[in-house]
ModelCIF file with pLDDT and N, C-alpha, C, O atoms, coordinates in Angstrom:
data_MODEL
#
_entry.id   MODEL 
#
_entity.id                         1 
_entity.type                       polymer 
_entity.pdbx_number_of_molecules   1 
#
_entity_poly.entity_id                      1 
_entity_poly.type                           'polypeptide(L)' 
_entity_poly.nstd_linkage                   no 
_entity_poly.nstd_monomer                   no 
_entity_poly.pdbx_seq_one_letter_code       
;(UNK)(UNK)(UNK)(UNK)(UNK)(UNK)(UNK)(UNK)(UNK)(UNK)(UNK)(UNK)(UNK)(UNK)(UNK)(UNK)
(UNK)(UNK)(UNK)(UNK)(UNK)(UNK)(UNK)(UNK)(UNK)(UNK)(UNK)(UNK)(UNK)(UNK)(UNK)(UNK)
(UNK)(UNK)(UNK)(UNK)(UNK)(UNK)(UNK)(UNK)(UNK)(UNK)(UNK)
;
_entity_poly.pdbx_seq_one_letter_code_can   XXXXXXXXXXXXXXXXXXXXXXXXXXXXXXXXXXXXXXXXXXX 
_entity_poly.pdbx_strand_id                 A 
#
loop_
_entity_poly_seq.entity_id 
_entity_poly_seq.num 
_entity_poly_seq.mon_id 
_entity_poly_seq.hetero 
1 1  UNK n 
1 2  UNK n 
1 3  UNK n 
1 4  UNK n 
1 5  UNK n 
1 6  UNK n 
1 7  UNK n 
1 8  UNK n 
1 9  UNK n 
1 10 UNK n 
1 11 UNK n 
1 12 UNK n 
1 13 UNK n 
1 14 UNK n 
1 15 UNK n 
1 16 UNK n 
1 17 UNK n 
1 18 UNK n 
1 19 UNK n 
1 20 UNK n 
1 21 UNK n 
1 22 UNK n 
1 23 UNK n 
1 24 UNK n 
1 25 UNK n 
1 26 UNK n 
1 27 UNK n 
1 28 UNK n 
1 29 UNK n 
1 30 UNK n 
1 31 UNK n 
1 32 UNK n 
1 33 UNK n 
1 34 UNK n 
1 35 UNK n 
1 36 UNK n 
1 37 UNK n 
1 38 UNK n 
1 39 UNK n 
1 40 UNK n 
1 41 UNK n 
1 42 UNK n 
1 43 UNK n 
#
_struct_asym.id          A 
_struct_asym.entity_id   1 
#
loop_
_ma_qa_metric.id 
_ma_qa_metric.mode 
_ma_qa_metric.name 
_ma_qa_metric.software_group_id 
_ma_qa_metric.type 
1 global pLDDT . pLDDT 
2 local  pLDDT . pLDDT 
#
_ma_qa_metric_global.metric_id      1 
_ma_qa_metric_global.metric_value   95.44 
_ma_qa_metric_global.model_id       1 
_ma_qa_metric_global.ordinal_id     1 
#
loop_
_ma_qa_metric_local.label_asym_id 
_ma_qa_metric_local.label_comp_id 
_ma_qa_metric_local.label_seq_id 
_ma_qa_metric_local.metric_id 
_ma_qa_metric_local.metric_value 
_ma_qa_metric_local.model_id 
_ma_qa_metric_local.ordinal_id 
A UNK 1  2 97.00 1 1  
A UNK 2  2 98.00 1 2  
A UNK 3  2 98.00 1 3  
A UNK 4  2 98.00 1 4  
A UNK 5  2 98.00 1 5  
A UNK 6  2 97.00 1 6  
A UNK 7  2 97.00 1 7  
A UNK 8  2 96.00 1 8  
A UNK 9  2 96.00 1 9  
A UNK 10 2 97.00 1 10 
A UNK 11 2 97.00 1 11 
A UNK 12 2 95.00 1 12 
A UNK 13 2 92.00 1 13 
A UNK 14 2 93.00 1 14 
A UNK 15 2 95.00 1 15 
A UNK 16 2 96.00 1 16 
A UNK 17 2 96.00 1 17 
A UNK 18 2 97.00 1 18 
A UNK 19 2 97.00 1 19 
A UNK 20 2 97.00 1 20 
A UNK 21 2 98.00 1 21 
A UNK 22 2 98.00 1 22 
A UNK 23 2 98.00 1 23 
A UNK 24 2 97.00 1 24 
A UNK 25 2 94.00 1 25 
A UNK 26 2 92.00 1 26 
A UNK 27 2 85.00 1 27 
A UNK 28 2 85.00 1 28 
A UNK 29 2 84.00 1 29 
A UNK 30 2 89.00 1 30 
A UNK 31 2 94.00 1 31 
A UNK 32 2 93.00 1 32 
A UNK 33 2 96.00 1 33 
A UNK 34 2 97.00 1 34 
A UNK 35 2 98.00 1 35 
A UNK 36 2 98.00 1 36 
A UNK 37 2 97.00 1 37 
A UNK 38 2 97.00 1 38 
A UNK 39 2 97.00 1 39 
A UNK 40 2 97.00 1 40 
A UNK 41 2 97.00 1 41 
A UNK 42 2 98.00 1 42 
A UNK 43 2 98.00 1 43 
#
loop_
_atom_site.group_PDB 
_atom_site.id 
_atom_site.type_symbol 
_atom_site.label_atom_id 
_atom_site.label_alt_id 
_atom_site.label_comp_id 
_atom_site.label_asym_id 
_atom_site.label_entity_id 
_atom_site.label_seq_id 
_atom_site.pdbx_PDB_ins_code 
_atom_site.Cartn_x 
_atom_site.Cartn_y 
_atom_site.Cartn_z 
_atom_site.occupancy 
_atom_site.B_iso_or_equiv 
_atom_site.pdbx_formal_charge 
_atom_site.auth_seq_id 
_atom_site.auth_comp_id 
_atom_site.auth_asym_id 
_atom_site.auth_atom_id 
_atom_site.pdbx_PDB_model_num 
ATOM 1   N N  . UNK A 1 1  ? -43.982 145.644 77.224 1.00 97.00 ? 1  UNK A N  1 
ATOM 2   C CA . UNK A 1 1  ? -45.093 146.015 78.099 1.00 97.00 ? 1  UNK A CA 1 
ATOM 3   C C  . UNK A 1 1  ? -44.612 146.542 79.447 1.00 97.00 ? 1  UNK A C  1 
ATOM 4   O O  . UNK A 1 1  ? -43.503 146.253 79.897 1.00 97.00 ? 1  UNK A O  1 
ATOM 5   N N  . UNK A 1 2  ? -45.498 147.335 80.079 1.00 98.00 ? 2  UNK A N  1 
ATOM 6   C CA . UNK A 1 2  ? -45.318 147.777 81.464 1.00 98.00 ? 2  UNK A CA 1 
ATOM 7   C C  . UNK A 1 2  ? -46.602 147.416 82.199 1.00 98.00 ? 2  UNK A C  1 
ATOM 8   O O  . UNK A 1 2  ? -47.698 147.665 81.699 1.00 98.00 ? 2  UNK A O  1 
ATOM 9   N N  . UNK A 1 3  ? -46.468 146.835 83.370 1.00 98.00 ? 3  UNK A N  1 
ATOM 10  C CA . UNK A 1 3  ? -47.634 146.427 84.176 1.00 98.00 ? 3  UNK A CA 1 
ATOM 11  C C  . UNK A 1 3  ? -47.717 147.261 85.444 1.00 98.00 ? 3  UNK A C  1 
ATOM 12  O O  . UNK A 1 3  ? -46.711 147.529 86.101 1.00 98.00 ? 3  UNK A O  1 
ATOM 13  N N  . UNK A 1 4  ? -48.947 147.668 85.775 1.00 98.00 ? 4  UNK A N  1 
ATOM 14  C CA . UNK A 1 4  ? -49.209 148.389 87.021 1.00 98.00 ? 4  UNK A CA 1 
ATOM 15  C C  . UNK A 1 4  ? -50.447 147.785 87.679 1.00 98.00 ? 4  UNK A C  1 
ATOM 16  O O  . UNK A 1 4  ? -51.348 147.289 87.002 1.00 98.00 ? 4  UNK A O  1 
ATOM 17  N N  . UNK A 1 5  ? -50.472 147.835 88.998 1.00 98.00 ? 5  UNK A N  1 
ATOM 18  C CA . UNK A 1 5  ? -51.693 147.540 89.755 1.00 98.00 ? 5  UNK A CA 1 
ATOM 19  C C  . UNK A 1 5  ? -52.256 148.853 90.291 1.00 98.00 ? 5  UNK A C  1 
ATOM 20  O O  . UNK A 1 5  ? -51.529 149.829 90.474 1.00 98.00 ? 5  UNK A O  1 
ATOM 21  N N  . UNK A 1 6  ? -53.546 148.855 90.535 1.00 97.00 ? 6  UNK A N  1 
ATOM 22  C CA . UNK A 1 6  ? -54.162 150.034 91.146 1.00 97.00 ? 6  UNK A CA 1 
ATOM 23  C C  . UNK A 1 6  ? -53.586 150.251 92.543 1.00 97.00 ? 6  UNK A C  1 
ATOM 24  O O  . UNK A 1 6  ? -53.315 149.291 93.264 1.00 97.00 ? 6  UNK A O  1 
ATOM 25  N N  . UNK A 1 7  ? -53.403 151.510 92.919 1.00 97.00 ? 7  UNK A N  1 
ATOM 26  C CA . UNK A 1 7  ? -52.992 151.854 94.274 1.00 97.00 ? 7  UNK A CA 1 
ATOM 27  C C  . UNK A 1 7  ? -54.256 151.919 95.131 1.00 97.00 ? 7  UNK A C  1 
ATOM 28  O O  . UNK A 1 7  ? -54.992 152.906 95.102 1.00 97.00 ? 7  UNK A O  1 
ATOM 29  N N  . UNK A 1 8  ? -54.492 150.865 95.884 1.00 96.00 ? 8  UNK A N  1 
ATOM 30  C CA . UNK A 1 8  ? -55.724 150.777 96.682 1.00 96.00 ? 8  UNK A CA 1 
ATOM 31  C C  . UNK A 1 8  ? -55.732 151.772 97.848 1.00 96.00 ? 8  UNK A C  1 
ATOM 32  O O  . UNK A 1 8  ? -56.775 152.023 98.451 1.00 96.00 ? 8  UNK A O  1 
ATOM 33  N N  . UNK A 1 9  ? -54.555 152.335 98.158 1.00 96.00 ? 9  UNK A N  1 
ATOM 34  C CA . UNK A 1 9  ? -54.464 153.309 99.257 1.00 96.00 ? 9  UNK A CA 1 
ATOM 35  C C  . UNK A 1 9  ? -54.302 154.732 98.729 1.00 96.00 ? 9  UNK A C  1 
ATOM 36  O O  . UNK A 1 9  ? -53.843 155.614 99.454 1.00 96.00 ? 9  UNK A O  1 
ATOM 37  N N  . UNK A 1 10 ? -54.676 154.957 97.469 1.00 97.00 ? 10 UNK A N  1 
ATOM 38  C CA . UNK A 1 10 ? -54.460 156.275 96.877 1.00 97.00 ? 10 UNK A CA 1 
ATOM 39  C C  . UNK A 1 10 ? -55.211 157.348 97.645 1.00 97.00 ? 10 UNK A C  1 
ATOM 40  O O  . UNK A 1 10 ? -56.371 157.169 98.016 1.00 97.00 ? 10 UNK A O  1 
ATOM 41  N N  . UNK A 1 11 ? -54.527 158.474 97.880 1.00 97.00 ? 11 UNK A N  1 
ATOM 42  C CA . UNK A 1 11 ? -55.088 159.537 98.721 1.00 97.00 ? 11 UNK A CA 1 
ATOM 43  C C  . UNK A 1 11 ? -56.239 160.277 98.065 1.00 97.00 ? 11 UNK A C  1 
ATOM 44  O O  . UNK A 1 11 ? -57.045 160.888 98.767 1.00 97.00 ? 11 UNK A O  1 
ATOM 45  N N  . UNK A 1 12 ? -56.346 160.245 96.731 1.00 95.00 ? 12 UNK A N  1 
ATOM 46  C CA . UNK A 1 12 ? -57.504 160.850 96.049 1.00 95.00 ? 12 UNK A CA 1 
ATOM 47  C C  . UNK A 1 12 ? -58.584 159.780 95.953 1.00 95.00 ? 12 UNK A C  1 
ATOM 48  O O  . UNK A 1 12 ? -58.610 158.997 95.003 1.00 95.00 ? 12 UNK A O  1 
ATOM 49  N N  . UNK A 1 13 ? -59.455 159.751 96.919 1.00 92.00 ? 13 UNK A N  1 
ATOM 50  C CA . UNK A 1 13 ? -60.471 158.704 97.010 1.00 92.00 ? 13 UNK A CA 1 
ATOM 51  C C  . UNK A 1 13 ? -61.362 158.691 95.757 1.00 92.00 ? 13 UNK A C  1 
ATOM 52  O O  . UNK A 1 13 ? -61.836 159.733 95.305 1.00 92.00 ? 13 UNK A O  1 
ATOM 53  N N  . UNK A 1 14 ? -61.574 157.504 95.217 1.00 93.00 ? 14 UNK A N  1 
ATOM 54  C CA . UNK A 1 14 ? -62.461 157.354 94.070 1.00 93.00 ? 14 UNK A CA 1 
ATOM 55  C C  . UNK A 1 14 ? -61.829 157.662 92.729 1.00 93.00 ? 14 UNK A C  1 
ATOM 56  O O  . UNK A 1 14 ? -62.480 157.527 91.693 1.00 93.00 ? 14 UNK A O  1 
ATOM 57  N N  . UNK A 1 15 ? -60.547 158.080 92.729 1.00 95.00 ? 15 UNK A N  1 
ATOM 58  C CA . UNK A 1 15 ? -59.903 158.460 91.472 1.00 95.00 ? 15 UNK A CA 1 
ATOM 59  C C  . UNK A 1 15 ? -59.334 157.274 90.700 1.00 95.00 ? 15 UNK A C  1 
ATOM 60  O O  . UNK A 1 15 ? -59.118 157.371 89.492 1.00 95.00 ? 15 UNK A O  1 
ATOM 61  N N  . UNK A 1 16 ? -59.093 156.165 91.377 1.00 96.00 ? 16 UNK A N  1 
ATOM 62  C CA . UNK A 1 16 ? -58.566 154.983 90.684 1.00 96.00 ? 16 UNK A CA 1 
ATOM 63  C C  . UNK A 1 16 ? -59.732 154.039 90.417 1.00 96.00 ? 16 UNK A C  1 
ATOM 64  O O  . UNK A 1 16 ? -60.262 153.413 91.334 1.00 96.00 ? 16 UNK A O  1 
ATOM 65  N N  . UNK A 1 17 ? -60.119 153.947 89.157 1.00 96.00 ? 17 UNK A N  1 
ATOM 66  C CA . UNK A 1 17 ? -61.311 153.184 88.781 1.00 96.00 ? 17 UNK A CA 1 
ATOM 67  C C  . UNK A 1 17 ? -60.969 151.875 88.073 1.00 96.00 ? 17 UNK A C  1 
ATOM 68  O O  . UNK A 1 17 ? -61.859 151.168 87.602 1.00 96.00 ? 17 UNK A O  1 
ATOM 69  N N  . UNK A 1 18 ? -59.683 151.558 88.000 1.00 97.00 ? 18 UNK A N  1 
ATOM 70  C CA . UNK A 1 18 ? -59.206 150.351 87.334 1.00 97.00 ? 18 UNK A CA 1 
ATOM 71  C C  . UNK A 1 18 ? -58.553 149.422 88.354 1.00 97.00 ? 18 UNK A C  1 
ATOM 72  O O  . UNK A 1 18 ? -58.117 149.868 89.416 1.00 97.00 ? 18 UNK A O  1 
ATOM 73  N N  . UNK A 1 19 ? -58.486 148.131 88.030 1.00 97.00 ? 19 UNK A N  1 
ATOM 74  C CA . UNK A 1 19 ? -57.722 147.191 88.849 1.00 97.00 ? 19 UNK A CA 1 
ATOM 75  C C  . UNK A 1 19 ? -56.283 147.098 88.364 1.00 97.00 ? 19 UNK A C  1 
ATOM 76  O O  . UNK A 1 19 ? -55.342 146.977 89.149 1.00 97.00 ? 19 UNK A O  1 
ATOM 77  N N  . UNK A 1 20 ? -56.145 147.159 87.043 1.00 97.00 ? 20 UNK A N  1 
ATOM 78  C CA . UNK A 1 20 ? -54.817 147.052 86.450 1.00 97.00 ? 20 UNK A CA 1 
ATOM 79  C C  . UNK A 1 20 ? -54.702 147.994 85.264 1.00 97.00 ? 20 UNK A C  1 
ATOM 80  O O  . UNK A 1 20 ? -55.685 148.303 84.591 1.00 97.00 ? 20 UNK A O  1 
ATOM 81  N N  . UNK A 1 21 ? -53.471 148.442 85.025 1.00 98.00 ? 21 UNK A N  1 
ATOM 82  C CA . UNK A 1 21 ? -53.151 149.271 83.871 1.00 98.00 ? 21 UNK A CA 1 
ATOM 83  C C  . UNK A 1 21 ? -51.965 148.630 83.174 1.00 98.00 ? 21 UNK A C  1 
ATOM 84  O O  . UNK A 1 21 ? -50.979 148.267 83.815 1.00 98.00 ? 21 UNK A O  1 
ATOM 85  N N  . UNK A 1 22 ? -52.064 148.495 81.865 1.00 98.00 ? 22 UNK A N  1 
ATOM 86  C CA . UNK A 1 22 ? -50.987 147.893 81.076 1.00 98.00 ? 22 UNK A CA 1 
ATOM 87  C C  . UNK A 1 22 ? -50.633 148.822 79.922 1.00 98.00 ? 22 UNK A C  1 
ATOM 88  O O  . UNK A 1 22 ? -51.511 149.264 79.182 1.00 98.00 ? 22 UNK A O  1 
ATOM 89  N N  . UNK A 1 23 ? -49.354 149.113 79.772 1.00 98.00 ? 23 UNK A N  1 
ATOM 90  C CA . UNK A 1 23 ? -48.855 149.799 78.586 1.00 98.00 ? 23 UNK A CA 1 
ATOM 91  C C  . UNK A 1 23 ? -48.371 148.712 77.622 1.00 98.00 ? 23 UNK A C  1 
ATOM 92  O O  . UNK A 1 23 ? -47.423 147.990 77.933 1.00 98.00 ? 23 UNK A O  1 
ATOM 93  N N  . UNK A 1 24 ? -49.006 148.591 76.467 1.00 97.00 ? 24 UNK A N  1 
ATOM 94  C CA . UNK A 1 24 ? -48.542 147.672 75.428 1.00 97.00 ? 24 UNK A CA 1 
ATOM 95  C C  . UNK A 1 24 ? -47.738 148.513 74.436 1.00 97.00 ? 24 UNK A C  1 
ATOM 96  O O  . UNK A 1 24 ? -48.308 149.259 73.639 1.00 97.00 ? 24 UNK A O  1 
ATOM 97  N N  . UNK A 1 25 ? -46.433 148.388 74.490 1.00 94.00 ? 25 UNK A N  1 
ATOM 98  C CA . UNK A 1 25 ? -45.544 149.248 73.698 1.00 94.00 ? 25 UNK A CA 1 
ATOM 99  C C  . UNK A 1 25 ? -45.565 148.788 72.242 1.00 94.00 ? 25 UNK A C  1 
ATOM 100 O O  . UNK A 1 25 ? -45.128 147.685 71.914 1.00 94.00 ? 25 UNK A O  1 
ATOM 101 N N  . UNK A 1 26 ? -46.084 149.660 71.378 1.00 92.00 ? 26 UNK A N  1 
ATOM 102 C CA . UNK A 1 26 ? -46.329 149.316 69.973 1.00 92.00 ? 26 UNK A CA 1 
ATOM 103 C C  . UNK A 1 26 ? -45.877 150.498 69.122 1.00 92.00 ? 26 UNK A C  1 
ATOM 104 O O  . UNK A 1 26 ? -46.594 151.492 69.012 1.00 92.00 ? 26 UNK A O  1 
ATOM 105 N N  . UNK A 1 27 ? -44.708 150.397 68.527 1.00 85.00 ? 27 UNK A N  1 
ATOM 106 C CA . UNK A 1 27 ? -44.109 151.557 67.865 1.00 85.00 ? 27 UNK A CA 1 
ATOM 107 C C  . UNK A 1 27 ? -44.781 151.934 66.549 1.00 85.00 ? 27 UNK A C  1 
ATOM 108 O O  . UNK A 1 27 ? -44.749 153.099 66.155 1.00 85.00 ? 27 UNK A O  1 
ATOM 109 N N  . UNK A 1 28 ? -45.382 150.973 65.870 1.00 85.00 ? 28 UNK A N  1 
ATOM 110 C CA . UNK A 1 28 ? -45.988 151.229 64.559 1.00 85.00 ? 28 UNK A CA 1 
ATOM 111 C C  . UNK A 1 28 ? -47.425 151.723 64.730 1.00 85.00 ? 28 UNK A C  1 
ATOM 112 O O  . UNK A 1 28 ? -48.252 151.001 65.288 1.00 85.00 ? 28 UNK A O  1 
ATOM 113 N N  . UNK A 1 29 ? -47.749 152.952 64.257 1.00 84.00 ? 29 UNK A N  1 
ATOM 114 C CA . UNK A 1 29 ? -49.108 153.480 64.463 1.00 84.00 ? 29 UNK A CA 1 
ATOM 115 C C  . UNK A 1 29 ? -50.203 152.660 63.777 1.00 84.00 ? 29 UNK A C  1 
ATOM 116 O O  . UNK A 1 29 ? -51.332 152.608 64.265 1.00 84.00 ? 29 UNK A O  1 
ATOM 117 N N  . UNK A 1 30 ? -49.878 152.021 62.650 1.00 89.00 ? 30 UNK A N  1 
ATOM 118 C CA . UNK A 1 30 ? -50.893 151.202 61.975 1.00 89.00 ? 30 UNK A CA 1 
ATOM 119 C C  . UNK A 1 30 ? -51.185 149.930 62.774 1.00 89.00 ? 30 UNK A C  1 
ATOM 120 O O  . UNK A 1 30 ? -52.312 149.435 62.769 1.00 89.00 ? 30 UNK A O  1 
ATOM 121 N N  . UNK A 1 31 ? -50.158 149.399 63.464 1.00 94.00 ? 31 UNK A N  1 
ATOM 122 C CA . UNK A 1 31 ? -50.361 148.224 64.325 1.00 94.00 ? 31 UNK A CA 1 
ATOM 123 C C  . UNK A 1 31 ? -51.169 148.621 65.562 1.00 94.00 ? 31 UNK A C  1 
ATOM 124 O O  . UNK A 1 31 ? -52.024 147.865 66.024 1.00 94.00 ? 31 UNK A O  1 
ATOM 125 N N  . UNK A 1 32 ? -50.890 149.811 66.090 1.00 93.00 ? 32 UNK A N  1 
ATOM 126 C CA . UNK A 1 32 ? -51.680 150.286 67.230 1.00 93.00 ? 32 UNK A CA 1 
ATOM 127 C C  . UNK A 1 32 ? -53.161 150.357 66.846 1.00 93.00 ? 32 UNK A C  1 
ATOM 128 O O  . UNK A 1 32 ? -54.042 149.959 67.609 1.00 93.00 ? 32 UNK A O  1 
ATOM 129 N N  . UNK A 1 33 ? -53.403 150.871 65.654 1.00 96.00 ? 33 UNK A N  1 
ATOM 130 C CA . UNK A 1 33 ? -54.785 150.984 65.168 1.00 96.00 ? 33 UNK A CA 1 
ATOM 131 C C  . UNK A 1 33 ? -55.437 149.611 65.030 1.00 96.00 ? 33 UNK A C  1 
ATOM 132 O O  . UNK A 1 33 ? -56.597 149.435 65.402 1.00 96.00 ? 33 UNK A O  1 
ATOM 133 N N  . UNK A 1 34 ? -54.705 148.646 64.501 1.00 97.00 ? 34 UNK A N  1 
ATOM 134 C CA . UNK A 1 34 ? -55.264 147.291 64.352 1.00 97.00 ? 34 UNK A CA 1 
ATOM 135 C C  . UNK A 1 34 ? -55.607 146.696 65.721 1.00 97.00 ? 34 UNK A C  1 
ATOM 136 O O  . UNK A 1 34 ? -56.631 146.030 65.876 1.00 97.00 ? 34 UNK A O  1 
ATOM 137 N N  . UNK A 1 35 ? -54.747 146.940 66.705 1.00 98.00 ? 35 UNK A N  1 
ATOM 138 C CA . UNK A 1 35 ? -55.004 146.428 68.064 1.00 98.00 ? 35 UNK A CA 1 
ATOM 139 C C  . UNK A 1 35 ? -56.225 147.113 68.677 1.00 98.00 ? 35 UNK A C  1 
ATOM 140 O O  . UNK A 1 35 ? -57.030 146.477 69.356 1.00 98.00 ? 35 UNK A O  1 
ATOM 141 N N  . UNK A 1 36 ? -56.349 148.405 68.430 1.00 98.00 ? 36 UNK A N  1 
ATOM 142 C CA . UNK A 1 36 ? -57.507 149.141 68.937 1.00 98.00 ? 36 UNK A CA 1 
ATOM 143 C C  . UNK A 1 36 ? -58.794 148.590 68.321 1.00 98.00 ? 36 UNK A C  1 
ATOM 144 O O  . UNK A 1 36 ? -59.773 148.350 69.027 1.00 98.00 ? 36 UNK A O  1 
ATOM 145 N N  . UNK A 1 37 ? -58.785 148.392 67.012 1.00 97.00 ? 37 UNK A N  1 
ATOM 146 C CA . UNK A 1 37 ? -59.968 147.855 66.318 1.00 97.00 ? 37 UNK A CA 1 
ATOM 147 C C  . UNK A 1 37 ? -60.344 146.476 66.838 1.00 97.00 ? 37 UNK A C  1 
ATOM 148 O O  . UNK A 1 37 ? -61.525 146.154 66.968 1.00 97.00 ? 37 UNK A O  1 
ATOM 149 N N  . UNK A 1 38 ? -59.330 145.660 67.137 1.00 97.00 ? 38 UNK A N  1 
ATOM 150 C CA . UNK A 1 38 ? -59.571 144.282 67.583 1.00 97.00 ? 38 UNK A CA 1 
ATOM 151 C C  . UNK A 1 38 ? -59.949 144.196 69.056 1.00 97.00 ? 38 UNK A C  1 
ATOM 152 O O  . UNK A 1 38 ? -60.243 143.110 69.556 1.00 97.00 ? 38 UNK A O  1 
ATOM 153 N N  . UNK A 1 39 ? -59.945 145.323 69.753 1.00 97.00 ? 39 UNK A N  1 
ATOM 154 C CA . UNK A 1 39 ? -60.260 145.301 71.177 1.00 97.00 ? 39 UNK A CA 1 
ATOM 155 C C  . UNK A 1 39 ? -59.089 144.845 72.025 1.00 97.00 ? 39 UNK A C  1 
ATOM 156 O O  . UNK A 1 39 ? -59.262 144.527 73.201 1.00 97.00 ? 39 UNK A O  1 
ATOM 157 N N  . UNK A 1 40 ? -57.900 144.808 71.444 1.00 97.00 ? 40 UNK A N  1 
ATOM 158 C CA . UNK A 1 40 ? -56.714 144.395 72.201 1.00 97.00 ? 40 UNK A CA 1 
ATOM 159 C C  . UNK A 1 40 ? -56.182 145.534 73.061 1.00 97.00 ? 40 UNK A C  1 
ATOM 160 O O  . UNK A 1 40 ? -55.424 145.308 74.005 1.00 97.00 ? 40 UNK A O  1 
ATOM 161 N N  . UNK A 1 41 ? -56.585 146.759 72.728 1.00 97.00 ? 41 UNK A N  1 
ATOM 162 C CA . UNK A 1 41 ? -56.296 147.876 73.611 1.00 97.00 ? 41 UNK A CA 1 
ATOM 163 C C  . UNK A 1 41 ? -57.477 148.823 73.583 1.00 97.00 ? 41 UNK A C  1 
ATOM 164 O O  . UNK A 1 41 ? -58.281 148.806 72.651 1.00 97.00 ? 41 UNK A O  1 
ATOM 165 N N  . UNK A 1 42 ? -57.573 149.645 74.605 1.00 98.00 ? 42 UNK A N  1 
ATOM 166 C CA . UNK A 1 42 ? -58.725 150.540 74.742 1.00 98.00 ? 42 UNK A CA 1 
ATOM 167 C C  . UNK A 1 42 ? -58.411 151.973 74.330 1.00 98.00 ? 42 UNK A C  1 
ATOM 168 O O  . UNK A 1 42 ? -59.311 152.718 73.944 1.00 98.00 ? 42 UNK A O  1 
ATOM 169 N N  . UNK A 1 43 ? -57.133 152.365 74.410 1.00 98.00 ? 43 UNK A N  1 
ATOM 170 C CA . UNK A 1 43 ? -56.707 153.716 74.026 1.00 98.00 ? 43 UNK A CA 1 
ATOM 171 C C  . UNK A 1 43 ? -55.381 153.589 73.281 1.00 98.00 ? 43 UNK A C  1 
ATOM 172 O O  . UNK A 1 43 ? -54.815 154.595 72.853 1.00 98.00 ? 43 UNK A O  1 
#
């Protein structure tokens, strides 16, 4: 995984609509699909 926090001082006002962003590194496409179906990831 990779963890990020929103940049609260971002110069493009209103462009950051999340509090946190997480990359869940999942190499198998069928596992990615299962996680998406289960609501474990959004994209």
